[in-house]
Amino acid sequence: MAVAEIRNYTLNVGPQHPAAHGVLRLVLELDGEVVMRADPHIGLLHRATEKLAETRTWVQSVPYMDRLDYVSMMCNEHAYCMAIERLLGLEVPLRAQYIRVMMDEVTRILNHLLNIGTHALDIGAMAMVLYTFREREDLMDVYEAVSGARLHAAYYRPGGVYRDLPEQMPKYEVNKFKNAKTVKEINESREGSLLDFLEDFTNRFPGFCDEYETLLTDNRIWKQRTVGIGVVTPERALQLGFTGAMLRGSGVEWDLLKKQPYEVYDRVDFDIPVGTNGDSYDRYLVRMEEMRQSTRIIRQCIDWLRKNHGPVITDNHKVAPPAREKMKSNMEELIHHFKLFTEGIHVPPGEAYAGIEHPKGEFGVYAISDGANKPFRIKLRAPGFAHLAAMDEMCKGHMIADAVTIIGTMDVVFGEIDR
């Protein structure tokens, strides 16, 4: 008797699948093990950030930005603060601009370390993530030193940054896991200021990048899993709205840091890494090189910040609070402080778009003000959203295992995709 032959069947990947990065439900239509169609379902994390922003004052929405792409926290804040500053016509002090650029690049390294480590983990290289998280720990300490929080910093403010860089780094103490000798060794780089600590990190980091490359770049299993997988031509990458490493991996030299520079990116020296084949391997190489370029930028910022001191936030007290000691001794300053923290900033009517070169691509904030102390509308342009939309096209004809590689190479984070 003849058995009916079933050709295509449907497989649910996620939403709790470890390689689906968050809450992606991926519906795959398969012919054997070959993907015929990939249908990404989103909406399982939706937090209505854009809608919530309409019921909060302009400054109260800054911490919501951290929670979008929660591995590139300060970059999200940056675009939002820039949009507000454009509406206000506000000049940001130069020192604050340098601090922002430096912290943006710290964030870029944090983002790429997580991506490269977990992407390798997703497709079988177990050790990689242990190396990349070791360096993330140092940079998380930098986050904590400047803002008091390891993850959701809320460090950028309209008009500058919350406070100047600290003069000392937190130190490790002797405990039952670390003896005095170990603690002395790991505290060596923490004896000076935050800038000293970061400088020490930039001296060590290129060596660590070489370690990652030793583990991955010529690793034959890594290459078998990534070379020729998820190829996107330069023309198609542009049509699909790709930005960041996804676009540059296809050979398009488009980087907002060079093409539409903001803050002080036109004063620092760096190169744009570009791929040639538009496959997952090239996108990995682009991210690797971006980390090296970020290290260059951080070094230049450290040099400038050491030599030049000054205010780190605007002195316009209708936007930024006065210093606490002045607020406690002067009635006018107290009123400014009170009005700012109860009512918030009154932003003149108008609309503004601020796009930045976020670690994942172009992250944009489109803000509309009707003159009130709250946004009339906020629209966020998340880079990952456009990349995920290309899932079907990139997966067609590949195997199930390659779908995991393609999710990894997109570097998706659902906080920003589901907004």
Protein backbone atom coordinates (compact mmCIF):
# COMPACT_ATOMS: atom_id res chain seq x y z
CA MET A 1 0.00 0.00 0.00
CA ALA A 2 1.26 3.44 -0.87
CA VAL A 3 2.00 5.84 1.99
CA ALA A 4 1.04 9.47 1.32
CA GLU A 5 4.22 11.47 0.98
CA ILE A 6 4.25 14.56 3.15
CA ARG A 7 6.46 17.20 1.58
CA ASN A 8 6.43 20.42 3.53
CA TYR A 9 5.86 20.61 7.23
CA THR A 10 5.89 23.52 9.64
CA LEU A 11 8.19 23.90 12.62
CA ASN A 12 7.95 26.39 15.45
CA VAL A 13 11.33 27.70 16.62
CA GLY A 14 10.85 29.54 19.89
CA PRO A 15 9.69 31.77 21.45
CA GLN A 16 11.72 30.15 24.27
CA HIS A 17 14.38 28.75 21.98
CA PRO A 18 17.88 29.65 23.30
CA ALA A 19 19.06 30.68 19.83
CA ALA A 20 15.98 32.83 19.11
CA HIS A 21 17.49 35.68 21.15
CA GLY A 22 14.70 36.80 23.38
CA VAL A 23 11.13 36.31 22.34
CA LEU A 24 11.20 35.55 18.63
CA ARG A 25 8.73 32.97 17.41
CA LEU A 26 10.05 31.76 14.09
CA VAL A 27 7.69 29.64 11.99
CA LEU A 28 9.69 27.63 9.47
CA GLU A 29 8.13 25.84 6.52
CA LEU A 30 10.47 22.98 5.74
CA ASP A 31 11.15 20.58 2.92
CA GLY A 32 13.07 17.93 4.79
CA GLU A 33 15.64 20.08 6.55
CA VAL A 34 15.68 22.88 3.99
CA VAL A 35 13.87 26.11 4.85
CA MET A 36 11.32 27.03 2.19
CA ARG A 37 9.81 29.92 4.13
CA ALA A 38 10.66 31.69 7.38
CA ASP A 39 8.00 33.74 9.14
CA PRO A 40 9.24 35.73 12.15
CA HIS A 41 6.50 36.57 14.66
CA ILE A 42 7.07 39.49 16.98
CA GLY A 43 4.85 41.13 19.58
CA LEU A 44 5.61 38.81 22.50
CA LEU A 45 7.57 41.48 24.36
CA HIS A 46 5.69 44.61 23.32
CA ARG A 47 6.16 47.30 25.98
CA ALA A 48 4.64 50.29 24.19
CA THR A 49 7.65 52.53 24.83
CA GLU A 50 6.55 55.05 22.19
CA LYS A 51 3.08 55.30 23.74
CA LEU A 52 4.40 55.49 27.31
CA ALA A 53 6.62 58.42 26.30
CA GLU A 54 3.49 60.50 25.62
CA THR A 55 2.48 60.29 29.29
CA ARG A 56 5.91 61.07 30.77
CA THR A 57 7.90 64.30 30.80
CA TRP A 58 10.75 64.52 28.30
CA VAL A 59 13.41 63.63 30.87
CA GLN A 60 11.40 60.80 32.46
CA SER A 61 11.55 58.88 29.19
CA VAL A 62 15.36 58.75 29.15
CA PRO A 63 15.49 55.55 31.28
CA TYR A 64 12.94 53.91 28.94
CA MET A 65 15.51 54.27 26.16
CA ASP A 66 17.99 52.07 28.06
CA ARG A 67 15.44 49.30 27.98
CA LEU A 68 15.08 49.26 24.20
CA ASP A 69 18.24 47.61 22.98
CA TYR A 70 19.39 46.53 26.42
CA VAL A 71 22.96 45.80 25.30
CA SER A 72 23.51 49.28 23.80
CA MET A 73 22.00 51.35 26.54
CA MET A 74 23.75 54.72 26.27
CA CYS A 75 23.49 54.81 22.47
CA ASN A 76 19.69 54.70 22.68
CA GLU A 77 19.72 57.56 25.19
CA HIS A 78 22.04 59.48 22.89
CA ALA A 79 19.64 59.63 19.94
CA TYR A 80 16.74 60.59 22.22
CA CYS A 81 18.70 63.40 23.90
CA MET A 82 19.88 64.65 20.51
CA ALA A 83 16.29 64.85 19.24
CA ILE A 84 15.31 66.94 22.30
CA GLU A 85 18.38 69.16 21.87
CA ARG A 86 17.47 69.81 18.23
CA LEU A 87 13.95 70.82 19.25
CA LEU A 88 15.36 73.14 21.93
CA GLY A 89 18.17 74.48 19.74
CA LEU A 90 20.53 73.60 22.57
CA GLU A 91 24.33 73.73 22.52
CA VAL A 92 25.99 70.83 24.36
CA PRO A 93 29.30 71.64 26.15
CA LEU A 94 32.32 70.25 24.31
CA ARG A 95 33.48 68.12 27.24
CA ALA A 96 30.04 66.46 27.36
CA GLN A 97 30.27 65.75 23.63
CA TYR A 98 33.61 64.00 24.08
CA ILE A 99 32.27 62.00 27.04
CA ARG A 100 29.26 60.95 24.94
CA VAL A 101 31.43 59.84 22.03
CA MET A 102 33.72 57.90 24.37
CA MET A 103 30.80 56.18 26.11
CA ASP A 104 29.14 55.44 22.75
CA GLU A 105 32.26 53.57 21.69
CA VAL A 106 32.47 51.73 25.02
CA THR A 107 28.87 50.70 24.32
CA ARG A 108 29.73 49.60 20.79
CA ILE A 109 32.43 47.29 22.13
CA LEU A 110 30.01 45.93 24.78
CA ASN A 111 27.43 45.22 22.07
CA HIS A 112 29.82 43.49 19.68
CA LEU A 113 31.41 41.40 22.45
CA LEU A 114 27.99 40.06 23.38
CA ASN A 115 27.10 39.45 19.74
CA ILE A 116 30.31 37.65 18.79
CA GLY A 117 30.33 35.58 21.99
CA THR A 118 26.70 34.47 21.82
CA HIS A 119 26.67 34.04 18.03
CA ALA A 120 29.57 31.61 18.39
CA LEU A 121 27.73 29.90 21.25
CA ASP A 122 24.60 29.52 19.12
CA ILE A 123 26.46 27.67 16.40
CA GLY A 124 28.67 25.46 18.49
CA ALA A 125 31.75 27.34 19.74
CA MET A 126 31.28 27.04 23.50
CA ALA A 127 34.45 28.74 24.79
CA MET A 128 34.03 32.03 22.94
CA VAL A 129 31.43 33.53 25.24
CA LEU A 130 33.66 33.00 28.29
CA TYR A 131 36.34 35.20 26.72
CA THR A 132 34.07 38.00 25.50
CA PHE A 133 32.22 38.25 28.81
CA ARG A 134 35.52 38.66 30.65
CA GLU A 135 36.12 41.97 28.82
CA ARG A 136 32.47 43.01 29.09
CA GLU A 137 32.92 42.89 32.84
CA ASP A 138 35.56 45.65 32.75
CA LEU A 139 33.36 47.87 30.60
CA MET A 140 30.33 47.20 32.78
CA ASP A 141 32.45 48.56 35.65
CA VAL A 142 32.96 51.72 33.58
CA TYR A 143 29.19 52.02 33.16
CA GLU A 144 28.71 51.55 36.88
CA ALA A 145 31.42 54.09 37.75
CA VAL A 146 29.89 56.88 35.64
CA SER A 147 26.19 56.27 36.33
CA GLY A 148 25.83 54.04 39.38
CA ALA A 149 24.14 51.30 37.33
CA ARG A 150 25.70 48.43 35.44
CA LEU A 151 23.07 48.20 32.76
CA HIS A 152 20.37 50.86 32.58
CA ALA A 153 22.55 53.91 32.99
CA ALA A 154 20.30 56.95 32.31
CA TYR A 155 23.61 58.84 32.13
CA TYR A 156 22.91 61.11 29.14
CA ARG A 157 20.59 64.06 29.72
CA PRO A 158 19.22 66.70 27.37
CA GLY A 159 22.06 69.26 27.32
CA GLY A 160 24.93 66.96 28.27
CA VAL A 161 25.57 64.14 30.73
CA TYR A 162 24.42 63.63 34.31
CA ARG A 163 27.83 64.24 35.94
CA ASP A 164 31.54 64.39 35.17
CA LEU A 165 33.74 61.30 35.03
CA PRO A 166 34.73 59.95 38.48
CA GLU A 167 38.22 60.49 39.86
CA GLN A 168 38.45 56.96 41.24
CA MET A 169 37.34 53.47 40.28
CA PRO A 170 35.64 51.05 42.69
CA LYS A 171 38.09 48.41 43.91
CA TYR A 172 37.80 44.72 44.68
CA GLU A 173 38.08 43.66 48.32
CA VAL A 174 39.50 40.50 49.87
CA ASN A 175 36.81 37.84 50.37
CA LYS A 176 36.52 34.06 50.58
CA PHE A 177 36.87 33.76 46.79
CA LYS A 178 39.77 36.19 46.30
CA ASN A 179 42.90 36.35 48.46
CA ALA A 180 45.01 39.46 49.08
CA LYS A 181 47.48 38.65 46.26
CA THR A 182 44.73 38.22 43.64
CA VAL A 183 42.95 41.38 44.79
CA LYS A 184 46.19 43.39 44.58
CA GLU A 185 46.72 42.21 40.99
CA ILE A 186 43.20 42.98 39.75
CA ASN A 187 43.15 46.35 41.52
CA GLU A 188 46.37 47.53 39.82
CA SER A 189 44.47 49.13 36.93
CA ARG A 190 41.94 50.66 39.36
CA GLU A 191 44.34 52.83 41.35
CA GLY A 192 43.73 55.95 39.25
CA SER A 193 40.71 57.66 37.71
CA LEU A 194 38.14 56.21 35.32
CA LEU A 195 40.18 57.57 32.40
CA ASP A 196 43.28 55.72 33.67
CA PHE A 197 41.27 52.52 33.94
CA LEU A 198 39.87 52.93 30.42
CA GLU A 199 43.32 53.71 29.04
CA ASP A 200 44.65 50.52 30.60
CA PHE A 201 41.73 48.66 29.01
CA THR A 202 42.46 50.10 25.54
CA ASN A 203 46.08 48.97 25.90
CA ARG A 204 45.01 45.42 26.73
CA PHE A 205 42.01 45.10 24.42
CA PRO A 206 43.72 44.77 21.00
CA GLY A 207 45.51 41.70 22.42
CA PHE A 208 42.16 40.26 23.46
CA CYS A 209 40.81 40.91 19.95
CA ASP A 210 43.72 38.85 18.63
CA GLU A 211 42.66 36.05 21.01
CA TYR A 212 39.11 36.10 19.62
CA GLU A 213 40.46 35.99 16.09
CA THR A 214 42.71 33.05 16.96
CA LEU A 215 39.66 31.21 18.28
CA LEU A 216 37.28 32.06 15.45
CA THR A 217 38.58 33.76 12.32
CA ASP A 218 40.41 30.77 10.78
CA ASN A 219 38.50 28.14 12.72
CA ARG A 220 37.27 25.74 10.04
CA ILE A 221 34.00 24.90 11.81
CA TRP A 222 33.19 28.61 12.28
CA LYS A 223 33.92 29.23 8.60
CA GLN A 224 31.82 26.24 7.48
CA ARG A 225 28.92 27.62 9.51
CA THR A 226 29.19 31.26 8.37
CA VAL A 227 30.86 31.56 4.92
CA GLY A 228 28.24 31.87 2.21
CA ILE A 229 25.36 31.84 4.71
CA GLY A 230 22.74 34.60 4.50
CA VAL A 231 24.33 36.39 1.53
CA VAL A 232 22.82 39.80 0.76
CA THR A 233 23.94 41.81 -2.27
CA PRO A 234 24.77 45.50 -1.76
CA GLU A 235 21.76 46.59 -3.86
CA ARG A 236 19.38 44.33 -1.95
CA ALA A 237 20.82 45.39 1.42
CA LEU A 238 19.99 49.01 0.56
CA GLN A 239 16.50 48.10 -0.66
CA LEU A 240 15.78 46.18 2.55
CA GLY A 241 16.74 49.17 4.68
CA PHE A 242 19.82 47.54 6.21
CA THR A 243 22.18 49.74 8.24
CA GLY A 244 25.26 49.20 10.36
CA ALA A 245 27.32 46.01 10.05
CA MET A 246 24.55 44.33 8.05
CA LEU A 247 24.97 46.95 5.30
CA ARG A 248 28.73 47.38 5.54
CA GLY A 249 29.18 43.59 5.46
CA SER A 250 27.67 43.70 1.96
CA GLY A 251 30.29 46.21 0.86
CA VAL A 252 28.35 49.48 1.18
CA GLU A 253 30.52 52.09 2.85
CA TRP A 254 27.77 53.86 4.77
CA ASP A 255 28.48 54.97 8.32
CA LEU A 256 26.73 57.93 9.94
CA LEU A 257 29.85 58.65 12.00
CA LYS A 258 31.59 59.68 8.75
CA LYS A 259 28.68 60.60 6.45
CA GLN A 260 26.54 62.62 8.90
CA PRO A 261 28.88 63.20 11.86
CA TYR A 262 27.36 64.31 15.16
CA GLU A 263 28.96 65.43 18.44
CA VAL A 264 32.75 65.31 17.86
CA TYR A 265 33.04 62.39 15.45
CA ASP A 266 34.47 64.77 12.83
CA ARG A 267 37.38 65.53 15.21
CA VAL A 268 38.52 61.94 15.80
CA ASP A 269 40.38 59.67 13.43
CA PHE A 270 39.05 56.21 12.51
CA ASP A 271 38.24 53.98 9.50
CA ILE A 272 35.03 52.36 8.28
CA PRO A 273 35.38 48.55 8.03
CA VAL A 274 33.64 47.13 4.94
CA GLY A 275 33.02 43.53 3.85
CA THR A 276 33.05 42.11 0.31
CA ASN A 277 30.78 39.05 0.15
CA GLY A 278 27.78 40.09 2.24
CA ASP A 279 27.70 36.78 4.13
CA SER A 280 27.63 36.02 7.87
CA TYR A 281 31.41 35.65 7.99
CA ASP A 282 32.00 39.11 6.53
CA ARG A 283 29.59 40.67 9.01
CA TYR A 284 31.56 39.00 11.81
CA LEU A 285 34.81 40.45 10.44
CA VAL A 286 33.24 43.92 10.18
CA ARG A 287 32.18 43.78 13.85
CA MET A 288 35.64 42.55 14.88
CA GLU A 289 37.29 45.49 13.10
CA GLU A 290 34.70 47.95 14.47
CA MET A 291 35.83 47.02 18.00
CA ARG A 292 39.41 47.89 17.07
CA GLN A 293 38.30 51.21 15.57
CA SER A 294 36.24 51.96 18.70
CA THR A 295 39.39 51.42 20.78
CA ARG A 296 41.15 54.05 18.62
CA ILE A 297 38.34 56.55 19.17
CA ILE A 298 38.26 55.92 22.95
CA ARG A 299 42.03 56.58 23.14
CA GLN A 300 41.66 59.93 21.38
CA CYS A 301 38.76 60.92 23.67
CA ILE A 302 40.81 60.01 26.77
CA ASP A 303 43.68 62.24 25.58
CA TRP A 304 41.34 65.17 24.96
CA LEU A 305 39.39 64.76 28.23
CA ARG A 306 42.62 64.68 30.25
CA LYS A 307 43.77 68.01 28.82
CA ASN A 308 40.47 69.88 28.72
CA HIS A 309 38.12 70.49 31.62
CA GLY A 310 34.83 72.32 31.76
CA PRO A 311 31.08 71.89 32.22
CA VAL A 312 29.45 68.59 31.24
CA ILE A 313 25.85 69.84 31.02
CA THR A 314 24.21 73.03 29.79
CA ASP A 315 23.89 75.96 32.22
CA ASN A 316 20.34 76.63 31.00
CA HIS A 317 18.35 75.84 34.17
CA LYS A 318 15.13 75.50 32.23
CA VAL A 319 16.66 72.29 30.83
CA ALA A 320 19.24 71.04 33.35
CA PRO A 321 19.08 71.29 37.16
CA PRO A 322 21.40 73.70 39.02
CA ALA A 323 24.21 72.34 41.20
CA ARG A 324 22.91 70.95 44.50
CA GLU A 325 24.92 73.26 46.73
CA LYS A 326 23.57 76.30 44.85
CA MET A 327 20.05 74.89 45.00
CA LYS A 328 20.30 74.63 48.79
CA SER A 329 21.47 78.21 49.30
CA ASN A 330 19.66 80.21 46.64
CA MET A 331 15.89 80.64 46.25
CA GLU A 332 15.97 81.14 42.49
CA GLU A 333 17.96 77.96 41.95
CA LEU A 334 15.55 76.09 44.22
CA ILE A 335 12.61 77.22 42.10
CA HIS A 336 14.41 76.09 38.93
CA HIS A 337 15.09 72.72 40.53
CA PHE A 338 11.50 72.31 41.73
CA LYS A 339 9.94 73.33 38.40
CA LEU A 340 12.29 71.08 36.46
CA PHE A 341 11.57 67.96 38.51
CA THR A 342 7.81 68.49 38.80
CA GLU A 343 6.86 69.93 35.41
CA GLY A 344 9.89 69.05 33.34
CA ILE A 345 11.23 70.81 30.26
CA HIS A 346 8.83 72.79 28.07
CA VAL A 347 10.00 71.97 24.57
CA PRO A 348 8.96 74.46 21.85
CA PRO A 349 6.52 73.14 19.20
CA GLY A 350 8.14 71.42 16.25
CA GLU A 351 9.53 68.13 15.07
CA ALA A 352 13.04 66.70 14.91
CA TYR A 353 14.76 63.52 13.86
CA ALA A 354 18.06 62.41 15.32
CA GLY A 355 19.79 59.35 13.88
CA ILE A 356 22.95 57.84 15.31
CA GLU A 357 25.28 55.04 14.27
CA HIS A 358 24.13 52.61 16.92
CA PRO A 359 26.13 49.34 17.24
CA LYS A 360 23.36 47.54 15.32
CA GLY A 361 22.76 50.16 12.61
CA GLU A 362 20.94 53.47 12.34
CA PHE A 363 18.88 54.09 15.46
CA GLY A 364 16.65 57.11 15.04
CA VAL A 365 14.30 59.07 17.26
CA TYR A 366 11.62 61.17 15.61
CA ALA A 367 10.08 63.51 18.18
CA ILE A 368 7.11 65.83 17.79
CA SER A 369 6.43 68.51 20.39
CA ASP A 370 3.28 70.61 20.76
CA GLY A 371 4.96 72.93 23.25
CA ALA A 372 3.98 70.93 26.34
CA ASN A 373 6.21 69.31 28.96
CA LYS A 374 5.59 65.87 27.41
CA PRO A 375 6.24 64.61 23.86
CA PHE A 376 3.22 64.75 21.53
CA ARG A 377 4.62 61.73 19.65
CA ILE A 378 7.82 59.70 19.71
CA LYS A 379 8.66 57.32 16.88
CA LEU A 380 11.72 55.09 17.19
CA ARG A 381 13.56 53.75 14.16
CA ALA A 382 15.07 50.49 15.40
CA PRO A 383 17.77 48.98 13.17
CA GLY A 384 16.95 45.38 14.15
CA PHE A 385 13.38 45.70 12.90
CA ALA A 386 14.45 46.14 9.27
CA HIS A 387 16.99 43.34 9.58
CA LEU A 388 14.50 40.86 11.01
CA ALA A 389 12.07 41.69 8.19
CA ALA A 390 14.63 40.17 5.79
CA MET A 391 14.61 36.84 7.69
CA ASP A 392 12.52 35.04 5.05
CA GLU A 393 14.67 36.21 2.18
CA MET A 394 17.96 35.39 3.92
CA CYS A 395 16.87 31.92 5.10
CA LYS A 396 15.36 30.56 1.87
CA GLY A 397 17.20 27.49 0.64
CA HIS A 398 19.35 27.18 3.76
CA MET A 399 19.13 24.44 6.40
CA ILE A 400 17.42 24.75 9.81
CA ALA A 401 20.83 25.07 11.49
CA ASP A 402 21.67 27.99 9.20
CA ALA A 403 18.55 29.85 10.32
CA VAL A 404 20.22 30.06 13.75
CA THR A 405 23.38 31.47 12.13
CA ILE A 406 21.28 34.09 10.33
CA ILE A 407 19.51 35.19 13.53
CA GLY A 408 22.95 35.50 15.16
CA THR A 409 24.47 37.53 12.32
CA MET A 410 21.57 40.01 12.45
CA ASP A 411 22.40 40.79 16.07
CA VAL A 412 18.75 41.22 17.00
CA VAL A 413 17.56 42.37 20.41
CA PHE A 414 13.83 42.28 20.91
CA GLY A 415 13.59 45.25 23.23
CA GLU A 416 14.02 47.55 20.24
CA ILE A 417 12.24 45.40 17.66
CA ASP A 418 9.09 45.18 19.79
CA ARG A 419 9.49 48.65 21.31
